[in-house]
Amino acid sequence: MSEIKNTYYIQMATGEISRSSTDSPWNFKIEATDEEITAMREIFDNNHSTDWQGFYRAHVPYVQYHYDRENDDYDDNLRKAYKMIHELGDDDAKQHIESMGILNPDGPKDHL
């Protein structure tokens, strides 16, 4: 039995997932099941936690950015979110993400 998909609106900067297109600004429109939205929420929650860890790490002056596991984790979570949006998104979402090159193996890895 296939699951019912609903329309959701995603705001990448805040990690907000909404069923309404008018309540707040959004970047991407997707069609997803409850399980897929739960997985997306976990990605955004992980990034929120990683962001706080990075904030605390930023106050340690001897750790350089390119040796910072928290920043790498944050970037990896963003890639996961964009990949999921690309899979579930409408044509505009797919085209925009493809134009970013973020899913390409040789894409802008350090320019999220």
Protein backbone atom coordinates (compact mmCIF):
# COMPACT_ATOMS: atom_id res chain seq x y z
CA MET A 1 0.00 0.00 0.00
CA SER A 2 1.48 3.34 -1.00
CA GLU A 3 1.61 6.18 1.47
CA ILE A 4 -0.23 9.41 0.90
CA LYS A 5 2.01 12.31 -0.09
CA ASN A 6 1.26 15.84 1.02
CA THR A 7 2.61 19.15 -0.19
CA TYR A 8 5.17 20.83 2.07
CA TYR A 9 7.08 24.08 1.83
CA ILE A 10 10.70 24.15 2.97
CA GLN A 11 12.67 27.13 4.25
CA MET A 12 16.34 26.11 4.16
CA ALA A 13 17.75 28.96 6.26
CA THR A 14 15.58 28.14 9.27
CA GLY A 15 14.91 24.47 8.63
CA GLU A 16 11.20 25.17 8.67
CA ILE A 17 8.80 22.67 7.14
CA SER A 18 5.25 23.93 6.61
CA ARG A 19 2.05 22.69 5.00
CA SER A 20 1.03 26.28 4.23
CA SER A 21 2.55 28.35 1.45
CA THR A 22 1.35 31.63 2.96
CA ASP A 23 2.31 31.42 6.64
CA SER A 24 6.01 32.08 6.14
CA PRO A 25 8.58 32.44 3.35
CA TRP A 26 9.76 29.24 1.69
CA ASN A 27 12.39 28.13 -0.82
CA PHE A 28 11.21 24.76 -2.06
CA LYS A 29 7.93 22.93 -2.63
CA ILE A 30 7.96 19.15 -2.17
CA GLU A 31 5.55 16.21 -2.09
CA ALA A 32 6.38 13.82 0.76
CA THR A 33 5.01 11.10 2.99
CA ASP A 34 4.96 11.40 6.77
CA GLU A 35 8.08 9.19 6.97
CA GLU A 36 9.95 11.34 4.45
CA ILE A 37 9.06 14.51 6.39
CA THR A 38 10.24 12.87 9.60
CA ALA A 39 13.57 12.08 7.92
CA MET A 40 13.86 15.68 6.67
CA ARG A 41 13.05 17.01 10.15
CA GLU A 42 15.83 14.82 11.58
CA ILE A 43 18.31 16.31 9.10
CA PHE A 44 17.30 19.85 10.09
CA ASP A 45 17.38 18.96 13.80
CA ASN A 46 20.87 17.49 13.40
CA ASN A 47 22.01 20.68 11.68
CA HIS A 48 20.57 22.81 14.47
CA SER A 49 22.51 20.77 17.03
CA THR A 50 25.68 20.84 14.91
CA ASP A 51 25.32 24.60 14.48
CA TRP A 52 25.35 25.07 18.25
CA GLN A 53 28.40 22.82 18.58
CA GLY A 54 30.12 24.93 15.94
CA PHE A 55 29.19 28.08 17.84
CA TYR A 56 30.90 26.78 20.96
CA ARG A 57 33.89 25.54 18.95
CA ALA A 58 34.25 28.96 17.35
CA HIS A 59 35.25 30.32 20.73
CA VAL A 60 38.30 28.05 20.80
CA PRO A 61 40.83 30.13 18.86
CA TYR A 62 43.36 27.40 18.13
CA VAL A 63 40.99 25.17 16.08
CA GLN A 64 41.08 26.22 12.44
CA TYR A 65 37.99 26.04 10.23
CA HIS A 66 39.37 23.38 7.90
CA TYR A 67 39.95 21.08 10.91
CA ASP A 68 36.47 21.59 12.23
CA ARG A 69 34.35 18.43 12.29
CA GLU A 70 31.20 20.41 13.20
CA ASN A 71 31.42 22.50 10.03
CA ASP A 72 31.94 19.35 7.95
CA ASP A 73 28.91 17.72 9.62
CA TYR A 74 26.82 20.85 8.98
CA ASP A 75 27.80 20.84 5.29
CA ASP A 76 27.05 17.11 4.99
CA ASN A 77 23.60 17.63 6.51
CA LEU A 78 22.89 20.45 4.05
CA ARG A 79 23.84 18.17 1.17
CA LYS A 80 21.49 15.49 2.54
CA ALA A 81 18.67 18.02 2.79
CA TYR A 82 19.25 19.30 -0.75
CA LYS A 83 19.41 15.72 -2.06
CA MET A 84 16.12 14.88 -0.39
CA ILE A 85 14.48 18.07 -1.68
CA HIS A 86 15.78 17.25 -5.17
CA GLU A 87 14.17 13.80 -4.95
CA LEU A 88 10.84 15.05 -3.57
CA GLY A 89 10.65 18.54 -5.03
CA ASP A 90 8.71 20.02 -7.88
CA ASP A 91 10.40 20.90 -11.18
CA ASP A 92 11.46 24.35 -9.92
CA ALA A 93 13.15 22.80 -6.87
CA LYS A 94 14.95 20.20 -8.99
CA GLN A 95 16.17 22.77 -11.51
CA HIS A 96 17.37 25.17 -8.83
CA ILE A 97 19.29 22.49 -6.94
CA GLU A 98 20.82 21.19 -10.17
CA SER A 99 21.91 24.73 -11.05
CA MET A 100 23.68 24.98 -7.69
CA GLY A 101 25.83 21.94 -8.47
CA ILE A 102 25.63 20.85 -4.86
CA LEU A 103 24.79 17.25 -5.68
CA ASN A 104 27.58 16.83 -8.21
CA PRO A 105 30.61 14.92 -6.88
CA ASP A 106 32.81 17.71 -8.24
CA GLY A 107 30.34 20.44 -7.25
CA PRO A 108 30.97 23.37 -4.92
CA LYS A 109 31.79 21.24 -1.88
CA ASP A 110 33.08 24.11 0.25
CA HIS A 111 30.69 26.76 -0.97
CA LEU A 112 27.40 25.94 0.75
